[in-house]
C-alpha atoms as a PDB file:
ATOM      1  CA  UNK A   1      60.795  85.679  65.406  1.00  0.00           C
ATOM      2  CA  UNK A   2      57.553  85.156  67.190  1.00  0.00           C
ATOM      3  CA  UNK A   3      56.401  88.613  66.125  1.00  0.00           C
ATOM      4  CA  UNK A   4      57.578  88.028  62.378  1.00  0.00           C
ATOM      5  CA  UNK A   5      55.774  84.716  62.408  1.00  0.00           C
ATOM      6  CA  UNK A   6      52.469  86.129  63.620  1.00  0.00           C
ATOM      7  CA  UNK A   7      52.591  89.159  61.196  1.00  0.00           C
ATOM      8  CA  UNK A   8      53.549  87.083  58.341  1.00  0.00           C
ATOM      9  CA  UNK A   9      50.872  84.605  59.200  1.00  0.00           C
ATOM     10  CA  UNK A  10      48.216  87.263  59.339  1.00  0.00           C
ATOM     11  CA  UNK A  11      49.445  88.883  56.065  1.00  0.00           C
ATOM     12  CA  UNK A  12      49.012  85.459  54.189  1.00  0.00           C
ATOM     13  CA  UNK A  13      45.761  84.220  55.816  1.00  0.00           C
ATOM     14  CA  UNK A  14      44.037  87.722  55.259  1.00  0.00           C
ATOM     15  CA  UNK A  15      44.762  87.522  51.585  1.00  0.00           C
ATOM     16  CA  UNK A  16      47.313  90.452  51.399  1.00  0.00           C
ATOM     17  CA  UNK A  17      50.128  87.946  50.348  1.00  0.00           C
ATOM     18  CA  UNK A  18      50.059  84.659  48.574  1.00  0.00           C
ATOM     19  CA  UNK A  19      52.217  82.034  50.198  1.00  0.00           C
ATOM     20  CA  UNK A  20      54.097  79.689  48.041  1.00  0.00           C
ATOM     21  CA  UNK A  21      53.375  75.842  48.676  1.00  0.00           C
ATOM     22  CA  UNK A  22      56.527  74.150  49.896  1.00  0.00           C
ATOM     23  CA  UNK A  23      57.040  70.472  49.499  1.00  0.00           C
ATOM     24  CA  UNK A  24      58.120  68.279  52.398  1.00  0.00           C
ATOM     25  CA  UNK A  25      61.495  67.497  50.743  1.00  0.00           C
ATOM     26  CA  UNK A  26      62.212  71.284  50.259  1.00  0.00           C
ATOM     27  CA  UNK A  27      61.233  72.096  53.950  1.00  0.00           C
ATOM     28  CA  UNK A  28      63.483  69.519  55.305  1.00  0.00           C
ATOM     29  CA  UNK A  29      66.455  70.259  52.955  1.00  0.00           C
ATOM     30  CA  UNK A  30      66.231  74.095  52.735  1.00  0.00           C
ATOM     31  CA  UNK A  31      63.687  75.726  55.315  1.00  0.00           C
ATOM     32  CA  UNK A  32      64.622  73.588  58.458  1.00  0.00           C
ATOM     33  CA  UNK A  33      68.502  74.282  57.890  1.00  0.00           C
ATOM     34  CA  UNK A  34      67.873  77.916  57.298  1.00  0.00           C
ATOM     35  CA  UNK A  35      65.754  78.273  60.408  1.00  0.00           C
ATOM     36  CA  UNK A  36      68.460  76.487  62.517  1.00  0.00           C
ATOM     37  CA  UNK A  37      71.236  78.646  60.993  1.00  0.00           C
ATOM     38  CA  UNK A  38      69.167  81.924  61.595  1.00  0.00           C
ATOM     39  CA  UNK A  39      68.665  80.866  65.131  1.00  0.00           C
ATOM     40  CA  UNK A  40      72.340  80.382  65.597  1.00  0.00           C
ATOM     41  CA  UNK A  41      73.246  83.766  63.885  1.00  0.00           C
ATOM     42  CA  UNK A  42      70.840  85.533  66.331  1.00  0.00           C
ATOM     43  CA  UNK A  43      71.909  83.991  69.492  1.00  0.00           C
ATOM     44  CA  UNK A  44      75.785  83.938  68.866  1.00  0.00           C
ATOM     45  CA  UNK A  45      75.559  87.527  67.479  1.00  0.00           C
ATOM     46  CA  UNK A  46      73.638  88.849  70.496  1.00  0.00           C
ATOM     47  CA  UNK A  47      75.880  86.789  72.966  1.00  0.00           C
ATOM     48  CA  UNK A  48      79.004  88.460  71.514  1.00  0.00           C
ATOM     49  CA  UNK A  49      77.769  91.941  72.578  1.00  0.00           C
ATOM     50  CA  UNK A  50      78.254  90.796  76.089  1.00  0.00           C
ATOM     51  CA  UNK A  51      81.962  90.652  75.680  1.00  0.00           C
ATOM     52  CA  UNK A  52      82.993  93.012  72.779  1.00  0.00           C
ATOM     53  CA  UNK A  53      82.244  96.656  71.964  1.00  0.00           C
ATOM     54  CA  UNK A  54      79.840  97.524  69.142  1.00  0.00           C
ATOM     55  CA  UNK A  55      82.569  99.049  66.983  1.00  0.00           C
ATOM     56  CA  UNK A  56      84.787  95.993  67.259  1.00  0.00           C
ATOM     57  CA  UNK A  57      81.885  93.751  66.337  1.00  0.00           C
ATOM     58  CA  UNK A  58      81.202  95.775  63.234  1.00  0.00           C
ATOM     59  CA  UNK A  59      84.745  95.369  62.239  1.00  0.00           C
ATOM     60  CA  UNK A  60      84.678  91.662  62.606  1.00  0.00           C
ATOM     61  CA  UNK A  61      81.521  91.599  60.640  1.00  0.00           C
ATOM     62  CA  UNK A  62      83.412  93.131  57.668  1.00  0.00           C
ATOM     63  CA  UNK A  63      84.797  89.698  57.094  1.00  0.00           C
ATOM     64  CA  UNK A  64      81.190  88.442  56.023  1.00  0.00           C
ATOM     65  CA  UNK A  65      81.836  88.961  52.326  1.00  0.00           C
ATOM     66  CA  UNK A  66      84.909  86.876  52.609  1.00  0.00           C
ATOM     67  CA  UNK A  67      83.190  84.136  54.417  1.00  0.00           C
ATOM     68  CA  UNK A  68      80.109  84.306  52.078  1.00  0.00           C
ATOM     69  CA  UNK A  69      82.585  83.931  49.064  1.00  0.00           C
ATOM     70  CA  UNK A  70      84.171  80.867  50.298  1.00  0.00           C
ATOM     71  CA  UNK A  71      80.742  79.399  51.351  1.00  0.00           C
ATOM     72  CA  UNK A  72      79.217  80.618  47.826  1.00  0.00           C
ATOM     73  CA  UNK A  73      82.221  78.781  46.150  1.00  0.00           C
ATOM     74  CA  UNK A  74      81.526  75.508  48.191  1.00  0.00           C
ATOM     75  CA  UNK A  75      77.947  75.581  47.175  1.00  0.00           C
ATOM     76  CA  UNK A  76      78.547  76.715  43.526  1.00  0.00           C
ATOM     77  CA  UNK A  77      76.727  79.868  43.913  1.00  0.00           C
ATOM     78  CA  UNK A  78      79.705  81.959  43.491  1.00  0.00           C
ATOM     79  CA  UNK A  79      82.705  81.513  40.635  1.00  0.00           C
ATOM     80  CA  UNK A  80      86.077  81.049  42.125  1.00  0.00           C
ATOM     81  CA  UNK A  81      88.641  83.345  40.287  1.00  0.00           C
ATOM     82  CA  UNK A  82      92.190  84.265  41.445  1.00  0.00           C
ATOM     83  CA  UNK A  83      91.273  87.916  41.309  1.00  0.00           C
ATOM     84  CA  UNK A  84      88.431  87.473  43.613  1.00  0.00           C
ATOM     85  CA  UNK A  85      90.484  85.343  46.045  1.00  0.00           C
ATOM     86  CA  UNK A  86      93.333  88.005  46.222  1.00  0.00           C
ATOM     87  CA  UNK A  87      90.513  90.369  47.227  1.00  0.00           C
ATOM     88  CA  UNK A  88      89.420  88.305  49.878  1.00  0.00           C
ATOM     89  CA  UNK A  89      92.998  87.901  51.261  1.00  0.00           C
ATOM     90  CA  UNK A  90      93.119  91.824  51.382  1.00  0.00           C
ATOM     91  CA  UNK A  91      89.900  91.838  53.359  1.00  0.00           C
ATOM     92  CA  UNK A  92      91.166  88.971  55.779  1.00  0.00           C
ATOM     93  CA  UNK A  93      94.579  90.842  56.325  1.00  0.00           C
ATOM     94  CA  UNK A  94      92.641  94.133  57.169  1.00  0.00           C
ATOM     95  CA  UNK A  95      90.365  92.304  59.491  1.00  0.00           C
ATOM     96  CA  UNK A  96      93.406  90.826  61.231  1.00  0.00           C
ATOM     97  CA  UNK A  97      95.106  94.089  61.617  1.00  0.00           C
ATOM     98  CA  UNK A  98      91.896  95.649  63.231  1.00  0.00           C
ATOM     99  CA  UNK A  99      91.590  92.642  65.657  1.00  0.00           C
ATOM    100  CA  UNK A 100      95.429  93.164  66.565  1.00  0.00           C
ATOM    101  CA  UNK A 101      94.645  96.796  67.419  1.00  0.00           C
ATOM    102  CA  UNK A 102      91.604  96.044  69.498  1.00  0.00           C
ATOM    103  CA  UNK A 103      92.249  97.212  73.053  1.00  0.00           C
ATOM    104  CA  UNK A 104      89.633  94.805  74.736  1.00  0.00           C
ATOM    105  CA  UNK A 105      90.141  91.659  72.830  1.00  0.00           C
ATOM    106  CA  UNK A 106      88.145  88.853  74.515  1.00  0.00           C
ATOM    107  CA  UNK A 107      88.644  85.323  72.991  1.00  0.00           C
ATOM    108  CA  UNK A 108      85.123  84.292  73.970  1.00  0.00           C
ATOM    109  CA  UNK A 109      83.506  87.137  72.456  1.00  0.00           C
ATOM    110  CA  UNK A 110      85.385  86.845  69.094  1.00  0.00           C
ATOM    111  CA  UNK A 111      84.635  83.121  69.005  1.00  0.00           C
ATOM    112  CA  UNK A 112      80.807  83.965  69.387  1.00  0.00           C
ATOM    113  CA  UNK A 113      81.045  86.609  66.734  1.00  0.00           C
ATOM    114  CA  UNK A 114      83.014  84.251  64.437  1.00  0.00           C
ATOM    115  CA  UNK A 115      80.440  81.520  64.879  1.00  0.00           C
ATOM    116  CA  UNK A 116      77.714  84.099  64.154  1.00  0.00           C
ATOM    117  CA  UNK A 117      79.357  85.087  60.915  1.00  0.00           C
ATOM    118  CA  UNK A 118      79.895  81.380  59.967  1.00  0.00           C
ATOM    119  CA  UNK A 119      76.143  80.524  60.424  1.00  0.00           C
ATOM    120  CA  UNK A 120      74.978  83.798  58.704  1.00  0.00           C
ATOM    121  CA  UNK A 121      77.169  83.126  55.630  1.00  0.00           C
ATOM    122  CA  UNK A 122      75.762  79.530  55.179  1.00  0.00           C
ATOM    123  CA  UNK A 123      72.116  80.781  55.834  1.00  0.00           C
ATOM    124  CA  UNK A 124      72.413  83.567  53.184  1.00  0.00           C
ATOM    125  CA  UNK A 125      73.850  81.134  50.557  1.00  0.00           C
ATOM    126  CA  UNK A 126      70.986  78.650  51.345  1.00  0.00           C
ATOM    127  CA  UNK A 127      68.343  81.444  51.002  1.00  0.00           C
ATOM    128  CA  UNK A 128      69.977  82.472  47.651  1.00  0.00           C
ATOM    129  CA  UNK A 129      69.712  78.754  46.456  1.00  0.00           C
ATOM    130  CA  UNK A 130      66.164  78.521  47.713  1.00  0.00           C
ATOM    131  CA  UNK A 131      65.265  81.752  45.770  1.00  0.00           C
ATOM    132  CA  UNK A 132      67.052  81.345  42.724  1.00  0.00           C
ATOM    133  CA  UNK A 133      68.649  77.895  42.032  1.00  0.00           C
ATOM    134  CA  UNK A 134      65.437  75.829  42.936  1.00  0.00           C
ATOM    135  CA  UNK A 135      63.279  78.116  40.879  1.00  0.00           C
ATOM    136  CA  UNK A 136      60.913  79.081  43.822  1.00  0.00           C
ATOM    137  CA  UNK A 137      59.268  82.435  43.435  1.00  0.00           C
ATOM    138  CA  UNK A 138      59.018  83.532  47.010  1.00  0.00           C
ATOM    139  CA  UNK A 139      58.194  87.087  48.019  1.00  0.00           C
ATOM    140  CA  UNK A 140      59.703  88.350  51.338  1.00  0.00           C
ATOM    141  CA  UNK A 141      56.586  87.770  53.336  1.00  0.00           C
ATOM    142  CA  UNK A 142      56.036  84.199  52.282  1.00  0.00           C
ATOM    143  CA  UNK A 143      59.692  83.510  52.946  1.00  0.00           C
ATOM    144  CA  UNK A 144      59.388  84.818  56.428  1.00  0.00           C
ATOM    145  CA  UNK A 145      55.963  82.856  56.696  1.00  0.00           C
ATOM    146  CA  UNK A 146      57.953  79.671  56.198  1.00  0.00           C
ATOM    147  CA  UNK A 147      61.205  80.378  57.869  1.00  0.00           C
ATOM    148  CA  UNK A 148      60.285  82.573  60.937  1.00  0.00           C
ATOM    149  CA  UNK A 149      58.258  79.941  62.830  1.00  0.00           C
ATOM    150  CA  UNK A 150      61.039  77.255  62.316  1.00  0.00           C
ATOM    151  CA  UNK A 151      63.691  79.829  63.694  1.00  0.00           C
ATOM    152  CA  UNK A 152      61.406  80.649  66.575  1.00  0.00           C
ATOM    153  CA  UNK A 153      61.189  77.044  67.776  1.00  0.00           C
ATOM    154  CA  UNK A 154      64.942  76.609  67.520  1.00  0.00           C
ATOM    155  CA  UNK A 155      65.345  79.696  69.592  1.00  0.00           C
ATOM    156  CA  UNK A 156      62.517  79.059  72.195  1.00  0.00           C
ATOM    157  CA  UNK A 157      63.612  75.534  73.163  1.00  0.00           C
ATOM    158  CA  UNK A 158      67.135  76.477  74.412  1.00  0.00           C
ATOM    159  CA  UNK A 159      65.533  79.801  75.912  1.00  0.00           C
ATOM    160  CA  UNK A 160      63.295  77.758  78.072  1.00  0.00           C
ATOM    161  CA  UNK A 161      66.140  76.063  79.982  1.00  0.00           C
ATOM    162  CA  UNK A 162      68.968  78.613  79.915  1.00  0.00           C
ATOM    163  CA  UNK A 163      67.530  82.179  79.962  1.00  0.00           C
ATOM    164  CA  UNK A 164      63.870  81.871  81.219  1.00  0.00           C
ATOM    165  CA  UNK A 165      64.623  80.568  84.731  1.00  0.00           C
ATOM    166  CA  UNK A 166      67.060  83.571  85.206  1.00  0.00           C
ATOM    167  CA  UNK A 167      64.413  86.037  84.106  1.00  0.00           C
ATOM    168  CA  UNK A 168      61.760  84.630  86.420  1.00  0.00           C
ATOM    169  CA  UNK A 169      64.127  84.568  89.383  1.00  0.00           C
ATOM    170  CA  UNK A 170      65.316  88.266  88.743  1.00  0.00           C
ATOM    171  CA  UNK A 171      63.120  90.620  90.891  1.00  0.00           C
ATOM    172  CA  UNK A 172      64.528  93.701  89.323  1.00  0.00           C
ATOM    173  CA  UNK A 173      63.697  92.678  85.661  1.00  0.00           C
ATOM    174  CA  UNK A 174      61.653  95.092  83.712  1.00  0.00           C
ATOM    175  CA  UNK A 175      60.548  94.512  80.205  1.00  0.00           C
ATOM    176  CA  UNK A 176      59.938  97.580  78.143  1.00  0.00           C
ATOM    177  CA  UNK A 177      57.076  96.310  75.825  1.00  0.00           C
ATOM    178  CA  UNK A 178      56.782  99.221  73.467  1.00  0.00           C
ATOM    179  CA  UNK A 179      60.415  99.353  72.815  1.00  0.00           C
ATOM    180  CA  UNK A 180      60.507  95.442  72.299  1.00  0.00           C
ATOM    181  CA  UNK A 181      57.502  95.627  69.804  1.00  0.00           C
ATOM    182  CA  UNK A 182      59.353  98.610  68.052  1.00  0.00           C
ATOM    183  CA  UNK A 183      62.373  96.350  67.881  1.00  0.00           C
ATOM    184  CA  UNK A 184      60.330  93.485  66.558  1.00  0.00           C
ATOM    185  CA  UNK A 185      58.816  95.566  63.984  1.00  0.00           C
ATOM    186  CA  UNK A 186      62.152  96.866  62.666  1.00  0.00           C
ATOM    187  CA  UNK A 187      63.259  93.162  62.606  1.00  0.00           C
ATOM    188  CA  UNK A 188      60.333  92.303  60.394  1.00  0.00           C
ATOM    189  CA  UNK A 189      61.286  95.078  57.998  1.00  0.00           C
ATOM    190  CA  UNK A 190      64.843  94.048  57.936  1.00  0.00           C
ATOM    191  CA  UNK A 191      64.245  90.511  57.236  1.00  0.00           C
ATOM    192  CA  UNK A 192      61.898  91.407  54.383  1.00  0.00           C
ATOM    193  CA  UNK A 193      64.418  93.930  52.717  1.00  0.00           C
ATOM    194  CA  UNK A 194      67.081  91.048  53.235  1.00  0.00           C
ATOM    195  CA  UNK A 195      65.107  88.393  51.456  1.00  0.00           C
ATOM    196  CA  UNK A 196      64.196  90.815  48.751  1.00  0.00           C
ATOM    197  CA  UNK A 197      67.561  92.044  47.981  1.00  0.00           C
ATOM    198  CA  UNK A 198      69.073  88.449  47.800  1.00  0.00           C
ATOM    199  CA  UNK A 199      66.332  87.309  45.671  1.00  0.00           C
ATOM    200  CA  UNK A 200      67.141  90.081  43.165  1.00  0.00           C
ATOM    201  CA  UNK A 201      70.637  89.930  43.525  1.00  0.00           C
ATOM    202  CA  UNK A 202      72.835  87.595  45.678  1.00  0.00           C
ATOM    203  CA  UNK A 203      73.909  86.990  49.352  1.00  0.00           C
ATOM    204  CA  UNK A 204      77.398  88.600  48.571  1.00  0.00           C
ATOM    205  CA  UNK A 205      75.842  91.753  47.165  1.00  0.00           C
ATOM    206  CA  UNK A 206      73.860  92.063  50.353  1.00  0.00           C
ATOM    207  CA  UNK A 207      76.779  91.917  52.588  1.00  0.00           C
ATOM    208  CA  UNK A 208      78.917  94.155  50.347  1.00  0.00           C
ATOM    209  CA  UNK A 209      76.192  96.814  50.524  1.00  0.00           C
ATOM    210  CA  UNK A 210      76.120  96.293  54.478  1.00  0.00           C
ATOM    211  CA  UNK A 211      79.739  97.671  54.757  1.00  0.00           C
ATOM    212  CA  UNK A 212      78.458 101.392  54.518  1.00  0.00           C
ATOM    213  CA  UNK A 213      76.046 100.383  57.483  1.00  0.00           C
ATOM    214  CA  UNK A 214      78.964  99.092  59.475  1.00  0.00           C
ATOM    215  CA  UNK A 215      80.968 102.426  59.053  1.00  0.00           C
ATOM    216  CA  UNK A 216      77.810 104.297  60.373  1.00  0.00           C
ATOM    217  CA  UNK A 217      77.524 101.821  63.264  1.00  0.00           C
ATOM    218  CA  UNK A 218      81.251 102.255  64.277  1.00  0.00           C
ATOM    219  CA  UNK A 219      80.768 106.006  64.175  1.00  0.00           C
ATOM    220  CA  UNK A 220      77.575 105.844  66.279  1.00  0.00           C
ATOM    221  CA  UNK A 221      79.327 103.594  68.629  1.00  0.00           C
ATOM    222  CA  UNK A 222      82.218 106.034  69.152  1.00  0.00           C
ATOM    223  CA  UNK A 223      79.889 109.056  69.469  1.00  0.00           C
ATOM    224  CA  UNK A 224      77.113 107.619  71.643  1.00  0.00           C
ATOM    225  CA  UNK A 225      79.035 104.940  73.746  1.00  0.00           C
ATOM    226  CA  UNK A 226      82.519 106.174  73.663  1.00  0.00           C
ATOM    227  CA  UNK A 227      83.984 102.895  72.317  1.00  0.00           C
ATOM    228  CA  UNK A 228      87.699 103.177  72.013  1.00  0.00           C
ATOM    229  CA  UNK A 229      88.813 102.832  68.488  1.00  0.00           C
ATOM    230  CA  UNK A 230      92.637 102.878  67.651  1.00  0.00           C
ATOM    231  CA  UNK A 231      94.351 104.081  64.590  1.00  0.00           C
ATOM    232  CA  UNK A 232      95.504 100.414  63.913  1.00  0.00           C
ATOM    233  CA  UNK A 233      92.023  99.432  63.865  1.00  0.00           C
ATOM    234  CA  UNK A 234      90.862 102.148  61.523  1.00  0.00           C
ATOM    235  CA  UNK A 235      93.815 101.418  59.329  1.00  0.00           C
ATOM    236  CA  UNK A 236      93.037  97.532  59.164  1.00  0.00           C
ATOM    237  CA  UNK A 237      89.272  98.108  58.695  1.00  0.00           C
ATOM    238  CA  UNK A 238      89.978 100.696  55.913  1.00  0.00           C
ATOM    239  CA  UNK A 239      92.098  98.055  54.193  1.00  0.00           C
ATOM    240  CA  UNK A 240      89.327  95.499  54.497  1.00  0.00           C
ATOM    241  CA  UNK A 241      86.905  98.237  53.178  1.00  0.00           C
ATOM    242  CA  UNK A 242      88.929  98.899  50.106  1.00  0.00           C
ATOM    243  CA  UNK A 243      89.148  95.126  49.275  1.00  0.00           C
ATOM    244  CA  UNK A 244      85.360  94.735  49.612  1.00  0.00           C
ATOM    245  CA  UNK A 245      84.562  97.791  47.465  1.00  0.00           C
ATOM    246  CA  UNK A 246      86.821  96.628  44.775  1.00  0.00           C
ATOM    247  CA  UNK A 247      85.354  93.326  44.947  1.00  0.00           C
ATOM    248  CA  UNK A 248      81.816  95.023  44.510  1.00  0.00           C
ATOM    249  CA  UNK A 249      82.985  96.912  41.547  1.00  0.00           C
ATOM    250  CA  UNK A 250      84.013  93.707  39.790  1.00  0.00           C
ATOM    251  CA  UNK A 251      80.541  92.095  40.590  1.00  0.00           C
ATOM    252  CA  UNK A 252      78.873  94.956  39.205  1.00  0.00           C
ATOM    253  CA  UNK A 253      80.977  94.852  35.901  1.00  0.00           C
ATOM    254  CA  UNK A 254      80.157  91.077  35.615  1.00  0.00           C
ATOM    255  CA  UNK A 255      76.364  91.767  35.954  1.00  0.00           C
ATOM    256  CA  UNK A 256      76.635  94.535  33.427  1.00  0.00           C
ATOM    257  CA  UNK A 257      78.493  91.953  30.991  1.00  0.00           C
ATOM    258  CA  UNK A 258      75.876  89.252  31.684  1.00  0.00           C
ATOM    259  CA  UNK A 259      73.067  91.683  31.093  1.00  0.00           C
ATOM    260  CA  UNK A 260      74.471  92.759  27.804  1.00  0.00           C
ATOM    261  CA  UNK A 261      75.098  89.103  26.700  1.00  0.00           C
ATOM    262  CA  UNK A 262      71.546  88.322  27.478  1.00  0.00           C
ATOM    263  CA  UNK A 263      70.310  91.093  25.489  1.00  0.00           C
ATOM    264  CA  UNK A 264      72.395  89.996  22.326  1.00  0.00           C
ATOM    265  CA  UNK A 265      71.391  86.340  22.587  1.00  0.00           C
ATOM    266  CA  UNK A 266      67.675  86.989  21.418  1.00  0.00           C
ATOM    267  CA  UNK A 267      68.978  89.061  18.474  1.00  0.00           C
ATOM    268  CA  UNK A 268      71.263  86.194  17.315  1.00  0.00           C
ATOM    269  CA  UNK A 269      68.801  83.360  17.742  1.00  0.00           C
ATOM    270  CA  UNK A 270      66.448  84.166  14.733  1.00  0.00           C
ATOM    271  CA  UNK A 271      69.402  84.594  12.545  1.00  0.00           C
ATOM    272  CA  UNK A 272      70.596  81.139  13.446  1.00  0.00           C
ATOM    273  CA  UNK A 273      66.970  79.727  13.017  1.00  0.00           C
ATOM    274  CA  UNK A 274      66.714  81.363   9.528  1.00  0.00           C
ATOM    275  CA  UNK A 275      70.015  79.849   8.567  1.00  0.00           C
ATOM    276  CA  UNK A 276      69.068  76.484   9.618  1.00  0.00           C
ATOM    277  CA  UNK A 277      65.740  76.732   7.715  1.00  0.00           C
ATOM    278  CA  UNK A 278      67.416  77.838   4.507  1.00  0.00           C
ATOM    279  CA  UNK A 279      69.625  74.629   4.707  1.00  0.00           C
ATOM    280  CA  UNK A 280      66.656  72.544   5.225  1.00  0.00           C
ATOM    281  CA  UNK A 281      64.914  74.017   2.309  1.00  0.00           C
ATOM    282  CA  UNK A 282      68.041  73.369   0.192  1.00  0.00           C
END
């Protein structure tokens, strides 16, 4: 987050990107909560890797569209339909089956990952509201310009008291600076792509598209780290995958219908205006 803050600051101050002015009310009601939730997502999500395998965490992350849907309905960014609700039930059932089949099921790790999913779902919905509902036209860099410093502060304060003393007192600690900078650069690119995608589509679309990434991560986890994956887990995750993909299909159809309706609306408007003009002339 420090790397993202500095890079976004330089891009804005050097004139490569124009930062959108944010009022104090918008900052307190939107930017500050987003930064806090982002910090919670990163902290809780990273802590979960201390207890759970990479493959199992990715299976748990498949529940993200379900949680985003629930949060979106609460914040009125998603419309509740019975068909969509049934899809989410299928996703939840698949995740429950995958969790049941996990060999190394550690409650603390699962709770940490569930907390990370909850904070991420609310954060993505708030970002969608900030970019779409409030009418604020922010590009990915200007979004990071406002959010990354706030997130950095929320991460840095507990880091000073919880992790920094342990790092200072560890004589065997070695920090690979080039690898750390490479990771930070990837994080910057990831955050920009996420903000750009949410601004063009929705938070739910971003999570649905991420399901393919989860499949790849599960495969790499098995190949590179030998993470155990049972048939029960694969069956449950496959069920969740089917539910998510069907919901994605519904969203695409809705977007096509909305686009078609928007194209027809301008064509009908002149006819209505001409009819009203004829009535006034009469």
